[in-house]
Structures are given as structure tokens and as C-alpha cells.
N, C-alpha and C. Protein backbone atom coordinates (compact mmCIF):
# COMPACT_ATOMS: atom_id res chain seq x y z
N MET A 1 5.70 -80.66 119.99
CA MET A 1 5.26 -80.88 118.63
C MET A 1 4.03 -80.02 118.38
N SER A 2 4.04 -79.27 117.32
CA SER A 2 2.92 -78.38 117.05
C SER A 2 1.96 -79.02 116.06
N ASP A 3 0.75 -78.57 116.12
CA ASP A 3 -0.30 -79.03 115.22
C ASP A 3 -0.08 -78.37 113.87
N PRO A 4 0.06 -79.15 112.78
CA PRO A 4 0.32 -78.53 111.47
C PRO A 4 -0.83 -77.63 111.01
N GLN A 5 -2.01 -77.80 111.56
CA GLN A 5 -3.17 -76.99 111.19
C GLN A 5 -3.14 -75.62 111.87
N THR A 6 -2.40 -75.49 112.98
CA THR A 6 -2.38 -74.25 113.75
C THR A 6 -1.41 -73.26 113.14
N LYS A 7 -1.88 -72.04 112.95
CA LYS A 7 -1.04 -70.97 112.44
C LYS A 7 -1.03 -69.85 113.47
N PHE A 8 0.15 -69.33 113.76
CA PHE A 8 0.29 -68.26 114.74
C PHE A 8 0.70 -66.98 114.05
N ASP A 9 0.12 -65.89 114.51
CA ASP A 9 0.51 -64.58 114.01
C ASP A 9 1.74 -64.14 114.80
N MET A 10 2.89 -64.10 114.17
CA MET A 10 4.14 -63.77 114.84
C MET A 10 4.53 -62.31 114.65
N SER A 11 3.60 -61.48 114.23
CA SER A 11 3.92 -60.06 114.07
C SER A 11 4.14 -59.44 115.45
N PRO A 12 4.99 -58.42 115.52
CA PRO A 12 5.29 -57.80 116.81
C PRO A 12 4.04 -57.19 117.45
N LEU A 13 4.01 -57.27 118.77
CA LEU A 13 2.91 -56.67 119.52
C LEU A 13 3.16 -55.17 119.64
N PRO A 14 2.11 -54.40 119.79
CA PRO A 14 2.30 -52.95 119.94
C PRO A 14 3.13 -52.63 121.17
N ALA A 15 3.90 -51.56 121.09
CA ALA A 15 4.72 -51.13 122.22
C ALA A 15 3.81 -50.88 123.42
N GLY A 16 4.24 -51.33 124.57
CA GLY A 16 3.45 -51.13 125.78
C GLY A 16 2.39 -52.20 126.00
N PHE A 17 2.37 -53.24 125.18
CA PHE A 17 1.37 -54.30 125.37
C PHE A 17 1.50 -54.89 126.78
N VAL A 18 2.71 -55.20 127.18
CA VAL A 18 2.99 -55.62 128.55
C VAL A 18 3.98 -54.60 129.10
N SER A 19 3.50 -53.70 129.93
CA SER A 19 4.36 -52.62 130.38
C SER A 19 5.26 -53.04 131.54
N ASP A 20 4.71 -53.62 132.56
CA ASP A 20 5.48 -54.01 133.72
C ASP A 20 5.00 -55.37 134.21
N VAL A 21 5.93 -56.17 134.68
CA VAL A 21 5.56 -57.41 135.36
C VAL A 21 5.14 -57.03 136.76
N LEU A 22 3.95 -57.43 137.16
CA LEU A 22 3.42 -57.05 138.47
C LEU A 22 3.54 -58.15 139.50
N GLN A 23 3.44 -59.42 139.04
CA GLN A 23 3.46 -60.52 139.99
C GLN A 23 4.03 -61.75 139.32
N ILE A 24 4.79 -62.52 140.10
CA ILE A 24 5.31 -63.80 139.65
C ILE A 24 4.85 -64.84 140.65
N CYS A 25 4.32 -65.94 140.15
CA CYS A 25 3.89 -67.04 141.00
C CYS A 25 4.83 -68.22 140.80
N ILE A 26 5.28 -68.79 141.89
CA ILE A 26 6.17 -69.94 141.88
C ILE A 26 5.44 -71.11 142.51
N VAL A 27 5.52 -72.26 141.86
CA VAL A 27 4.96 -73.49 142.42
C VAL A 27 6.13 -74.31 142.92
N THR A 28 6.05 -74.77 144.15
CA THR A 28 7.17 -75.48 144.75
C THR A 28 6.69 -76.68 145.56
N ARG A 29 7.60 -77.58 145.82
CA ARG A 29 7.31 -78.71 146.70
C ARG A 29 7.80 -78.43 148.13
N ASP A 30 8.59 -77.36 148.32
CA ASP A 30 9.18 -77.06 149.62
C ASP A 30 9.24 -75.54 149.80
N TYR A 31 8.15 -74.95 150.27
CA TYR A 31 8.08 -73.49 150.37
C TYR A 31 9.10 -72.93 151.35
N ARG A 32 9.42 -73.65 152.41
CA ARG A 32 10.40 -73.14 153.40
C ARG A 32 11.78 -72.97 152.77
N ARG A 33 12.19 -73.95 151.99
CA ARG A 33 13.50 -73.89 151.35
C ARG A 33 13.57 -72.74 150.34
N VAL A 34 12.51 -72.58 149.56
CA VAL A 34 12.49 -71.52 148.54
C VAL A 34 12.45 -70.15 149.20
N ILE A 35 11.66 -70.00 150.26
CA ILE A 35 11.63 -68.72 150.98
C ILE A 35 13.01 -68.39 151.52
N THR A 36 13.70 -69.36 152.08
CA THR A 36 15.05 -69.13 152.60
C THR A 36 15.96 -68.58 151.50
N GLY A 37 15.87 -69.16 150.31
CA GLY A 37 16.68 -68.67 149.19
C GLY A 37 16.32 -67.25 148.78
N PHE A 38 15.03 -66.95 148.75
CA PHE A 38 14.60 -65.61 148.37
C PHE A 38 14.99 -64.58 149.42
N LEU A 39 14.94 -64.95 150.70
CA LEU A 39 15.37 -64.03 151.75
C LEU A 39 16.85 -63.68 151.59
N LYS A 40 17.66 -64.64 151.17
CA LYS A 40 19.08 -64.38 150.93
C LYS A 40 19.28 -63.40 149.78
N LEU A 41 18.30 -63.35 148.86
CA LEU A 41 18.35 -62.41 147.74
C LEU A 41 17.74 -61.05 148.10
N GLY A 42 17.23 -60.94 149.32
CA GLY A 42 16.64 -59.69 149.77
C GLY A 42 15.16 -59.57 149.45
N ILE A 43 14.53 -60.66 149.06
CA ILE A 43 13.09 -60.64 148.76
C ILE A 43 12.34 -61.18 149.98
N GLY A 44 11.54 -60.34 150.60
CA GLY A 44 10.80 -60.70 151.79
C GLY A 44 10.50 -59.43 152.56
N PRO A 45 9.85 -59.49 153.68
CA PRO A 45 9.40 -60.70 154.38
C PRO A 45 8.24 -61.36 153.66
N TRP A 46 7.99 -62.62 154.05
CA TRP A 46 6.93 -63.42 153.45
C TRP A 46 5.78 -63.59 154.43
N ARG A 47 4.56 -63.50 153.92
CA ARG A 47 3.36 -63.83 154.69
C ARG A 47 2.93 -65.21 154.22
N VAL A 48 2.73 -66.14 155.14
CA VAL A 48 2.41 -67.52 154.80
C VAL A 48 1.02 -67.85 155.32
N TYR A 49 0.17 -68.33 154.43
CA TYR A 49 -1.21 -68.68 154.76
C TYR A 49 -1.45 -70.16 154.45
N THR A 50 -2.27 -70.81 155.26
CA THR A 50 -2.69 -72.17 154.99
C THR A 50 -4.13 -72.12 154.50
N LEU A 51 -4.35 -72.63 153.30
CA LEU A 51 -5.69 -72.69 152.73
C LEU A 51 -6.11 -74.15 152.64
N GLY A 52 -7.31 -74.43 153.09
CA GLY A 52 -7.82 -75.80 153.05
C GLY A 52 -9.30 -75.80 153.38
N PRO A 53 -9.87 -76.97 153.60
CA PRO A 53 -11.31 -77.08 153.88
C PRO A 53 -11.77 -76.28 155.09
N ASP A 54 -10.86 -76.02 156.03
CA ASP A 54 -11.23 -75.24 157.22
C ASP A 54 -11.32 -73.74 156.93
N THR A 55 -10.68 -73.28 155.86
CA THR A 55 -10.64 -71.84 155.57
C THR A 55 -11.28 -71.47 154.23
N VAL A 56 -11.44 -72.45 153.35
CA VAL A 56 -12.01 -72.19 152.02
C VAL A 56 -13.14 -73.19 151.78
N SER A 57 -14.30 -72.69 151.38
CA SER A 57 -15.42 -73.59 151.12
C SER A 57 -15.46 -74.00 149.65
N ASN A 58 -15.98 -75.15 149.40
CA ASN A 58 -16.22 -75.65 148.04
C ASN A 58 -14.95 -75.70 147.18
N MET A 59 -13.88 -76.27 147.69
CA MET A 59 -12.65 -76.42 146.91
C MET A 59 -12.89 -77.49 145.85
N THR A 60 -12.55 -77.16 144.61
CA THR A 60 -12.78 -78.11 143.52
C THR A 60 -11.53 -78.25 142.66
N TYR A 61 -11.50 -79.34 141.91
CA TYR A 61 -10.48 -79.59 140.91
C TYR A 61 -11.20 -80.14 139.69
N ARG A 62 -11.16 -79.40 138.61
CA ARG A 62 -11.84 -79.80 137.37
C ARG A 62 -13.30 -80.17 137.60
N GLY A 63 -13.97 -79.35 138.42
CA GLY A 63 -15.40 -79.51 138.65
C GLY A 63 -15.79 -80.51 139.71
N GLN A 64 -14.83 -81.20 140.31
CA GLN A 64 -15.12 -82.20 141.34
C GLN A 64 -14.60 -81.72 142.69
N ALA A 65 -15.31 -82.08 143.75
CA ALA A 65 -14.87 -81.70 145.10
C ALA A 65 -13.47 -82.24 145.35
N SER A 66 -12.60 -81.40 145.89
CA SER A 66 -11.23 -81.80 146.18
C SER A 66 -10.70 -80.94 147.33
N PRO A 67 -10.99 -81.34 148.56
CA PRO A 67 -10.63 -80.51 149.72
C PRO A 67 -9.15 -80.61 150.07
N HIS A 68 -8.30 -80.08 149.22
CA HIS A 68 -6.84 -80.13 149.43
C HIS A 68 -6.39 -79.02 150.38
N VAL A 69 -5.15 -79.14 150.85
CA VAL A 69 -4.55 -78.15 151.74
C VAL A 69 -3.28 -77.63 151.07
N MET A 70 -3.12 -76.32 151.05
CA MET A 70 -1.93 -75.74 150.43
C MET A 70 -1.45 -74.53 151.22
N LYS A 71 -0.17 -74.24 151.07
CA LYS A 71 0.41 -73.03 151.61
C LYS A 71 0.48 -72.01 150.48
N ILE A 72 0.04 -70.80 150.76
CA ILE A 72 0.17 -69.68 149.84
C ILE A 72 1.06 -68.66 150.56
N CYS A 73 2.15 -68.28 149.91
CA CYS A 73 3.13 -67.37 150.50
C CYS A 73 3.20 -66.12 149.64
N LEU A 74 3.20 -64.96 150.26
CA LEU A 74 3.19 -63.69 149.54
C LEU A 74 4.29 -62.77 150.05
N ALA A 75 4.94 -62.09 149.11
CA ALA A 75 5.97 -61.10 149.45
C ALA A 75 5.95 -60.01 148.39
N ALA A 76 6.58 -58.89 148.71
CA ALA A 76 6.72 -57.79 147.76
C ALA A 76 8.16 -57.33 147.74
N SER A 77 8.60 -56.95 146.56
CA SER A 77 9.94 -56.40 146.39
C SER A 77 9.79 -55.22 145.43
N GLY A 78 9.78 -54.01 145.97
CA GLY A 78 9.48 -52.85 145.14
C GLY A 78 8.05 -52.96 144.63
N SER A 79 7.86 -52.81 143.33
CA SER A 79 6.52 -52.93 142.76
C SER A 79 6.19 -54.36 142.34
N MET A 80 7.12 -55.29 142.55
CA MET A 80 6.92 -56.68 142.16
C MET A 80 6.27 -57.46 143.29
N GLY A 81 5.19 -58.16 142.97
CA GLY A 81 4.55 -59.06 143.92
C GLY A 81 5.00 -60.48 143.67
N TRP A 82 5.29 -61.22 144.72
CA TRP A 82 5.70 -62.61 144.62
C TRP A 82 4.67 -63.48 145.31
N GLU A 83 4.32 -64.59 144.68
CA GLU A 83 3.39 -65.56 145.25
C GLU A 83 4.02 -66.94 145.11
N MET A 84 3.83 -67.76 146.13
CA MET A 84 4.35 -69.12 146.10
C MET A 84 3.24 -70.07 146.52
N CYS A 85 3.10 -71.18 145.81
CA CYS A 85 2.09 -72.20 146.12
C CYS A 85 2.78 -73.51 146.42
N ASN A 86 2.36 -74.18 147.49
CA ASN A 86 2.90 -75.47 147.88
C ASN A 86 1.76 -76.32 148.42
N GLN A 87 1.38 -77.36 147.69
CA GLN A 87 0.33 -78.25 148.18
C GLN A 87 0.91 -79.16 149.24
N LEU A 88 0.18 -79.34 150.34
CA LEU A 88 0.63 -80.18 151.43
C LEU A 88 0.08 -81.58 151.28
N LEU A 89 0.70 -82.52 151.98
CA LEU A 89 0.22 -83.90 151.94
C LEU A 89 -1.15 -84.00 152.57
N SER A 90 -1.92 -84.95 152.10
CA SER A 90 -3.22 -85.23 152.67
C SER A 90 -3.06 -85.59 154.14
N GLN A 91 -3.95 -85.13 154.97
CA GLN A 91 -3.91 -85.49 156.39
C GLN A 91 -4.35 -86.93 156.60
N ARG A 92 -4.92 -87.54 155.57
CA ARG A 92 -5.43 -88.90 155.70
C ARG A 92 -4.39 -89.96 155.39
N SER A 93 -3.30 -89.58 154.73
CA SER A 93 -2.31 -90.58 154.35
C SER A 93 -0.96 -89.91 154.13
N THR A 94 0.05 -90.71 153.89
CA THR A 94 1.38 -90.17 153.64
C THR A 94 1.58 -89.85 152.17
N THR A 95 0.61 -90.15 151.34
CA THR A 95 0.66 -89.76 149.94
C THR A 95 -0.40 -88.71 149.69
N ASN A 96 -0.16 -87.88 148.72
CA ASN A 96 -1.10 -86.80 148.46
C ASN A 96 -2.19 -87.29 147.51
N SER A 97 -3.32 -87.65 148.07
CA SER A 97 -4.41 -88.16 147.25
C SER A 97 -5.37 -87.05 146.82
N TRP A 98 -5.25 -85.85 147.39
CA TRP A 98 -6.12 -84.75 147.01
C TRP A 98 -5.60 -84.14 145.72
N LYS A 99 -6.51 -83.83 144.83
CA LYS A 99 -6.11 -83.30 143.53
C LYS A 99 -6.29 -81.79 143.50
N SER A 100 -5.37 -81.13 142.79
CA SER A 100 -5.45 -79.69 142.57
C SER A 100 -4.56 -79.35 141.39
N THR A 101 -4.70 -78.14 140.88
CA THR A 101 -3.83 -77.72 139.78
C THR A 101 -2.38 -77.61 140.24
N VAL A 102 -2.16 -77.28 141.52
CA VAL A 102 -0.78 -77.23 142.04
C VAL A 102 -0.16 -78.62 142.01
N ARG A 103 -0.91 -79.62 142.48
CA ARG A 103 -0.39 -81.00 142.46
C ARG A 103 -0.16 -81.45 141.02
N GLU A 104 -1.08 -81.12 140.14
CA GLU A 104 -0.94 -81.50 138.74
C GLU A 104 0.36 -80.93 138.17
N PHE A 105 0.65 -79.68 138.47
CA PHE A 105 1.87 -79.05 137.96
C PHE A 105 3.12 -79.67 138.56
N THR A 106 3.13 -79.90 139.87
CA THR A 106 4.34 -80.42 140.51
C THR A 106 4.63 -81.86 140.12
N THR A 107 3.64 -82.59 139.65
CA THR A 107 3.88 -83.97 139.23
C THR A 107 4.00 -84.09 137.70
N SER A 108 3.90 -82.97 137.00
CA SER A 108 4.01 -83.00 135.54
C SER A 108 5.47 -83.09 135.12
N ARG A 109 5.68 -83.26 133.84
CA ARG A 109 7.04 -83.32 133.32
C ARG A 109 7.79 -82.02 133.55
N SER A 110 7.07 -80.90 133.55
CA SER A 110 7.75 -79.62 133.74
C SER A 110 8.16 -79.40 135.19
N GLY A 111 7.50 -80.11 136.11
CA GLY A 111 7.91 -80.05 137.51
C GLY A 111 7.64 -78.72 138.16
N ALA A 112 8.46 -78.41 139.15
CA ALA A 112 8.29 -77.19 139.92
C ALA A 112 9.63 -76.78 140.49
N LEU A 113 9.68 -75.56 140.98
CA LEU A 113 10.87 -75.09 141.67
C LEU A 113 10.91 -75.79 143.02
N THR A 114 11.96 -76.55 143.28
CA THR A 114 12.01 -77.31 144.53
C THR A 114 12.99 -76.72 145.50
């Protein structure tokens, strides 16, 4: 539902405004499964990194401390860069109590690539 007060300029953008897509980021709940699918499509190899309080200082979510743990996966296919984000469960419990934008997205109505 749009705000009746908001008006958008729908005139065409100048040619070349977006010349090439350079990177696509995918948010997923299961990075291993998605990587397997991309490898079947010929996209890979993938570099997988674990980011968390041991490797990144001062992790925040909306201005509050939030020491979450996530996998960041990177691959290239020609000039296209691929990035994948997967937040891991909290080490303190079986539910993910740590907040992040990745968790917010995967639990939203729009969901994530699973």
C-alpha cells in the first residue's frame, strides 16, 4: 500500500545509469544447500568465512551491541560477484537470540532463499 502523499518521478533514467550488475547478495537460512545448487550451475568455487565476536569487534544491530555469528560466502562468475549471508544459531541456545539485519530479513514476510 502506498502513501497517497508520496509522488514518484517515473520518467526514464538516462542510458547507462546502471551499466552492469557487479554483485548479487543472497540471504539464506542454509548456505551449504544454496552453494551446492550454485555449483551445479557452474558458479564457484566459494570462499566461506565465519564472522562473529571472535573476528569482528563492536558488532551492532540498530545501534545496540549484538555479537551475532554469520557465514559470509563469496564467489565470482566472470565479472559477476556473488555474496551469500547466513546467520548462525546463537551458541548460547538452540534459538537465535542474537539480532542482525540478516536475521531480520530471514524472519520477515519476504523471507530468504532457503
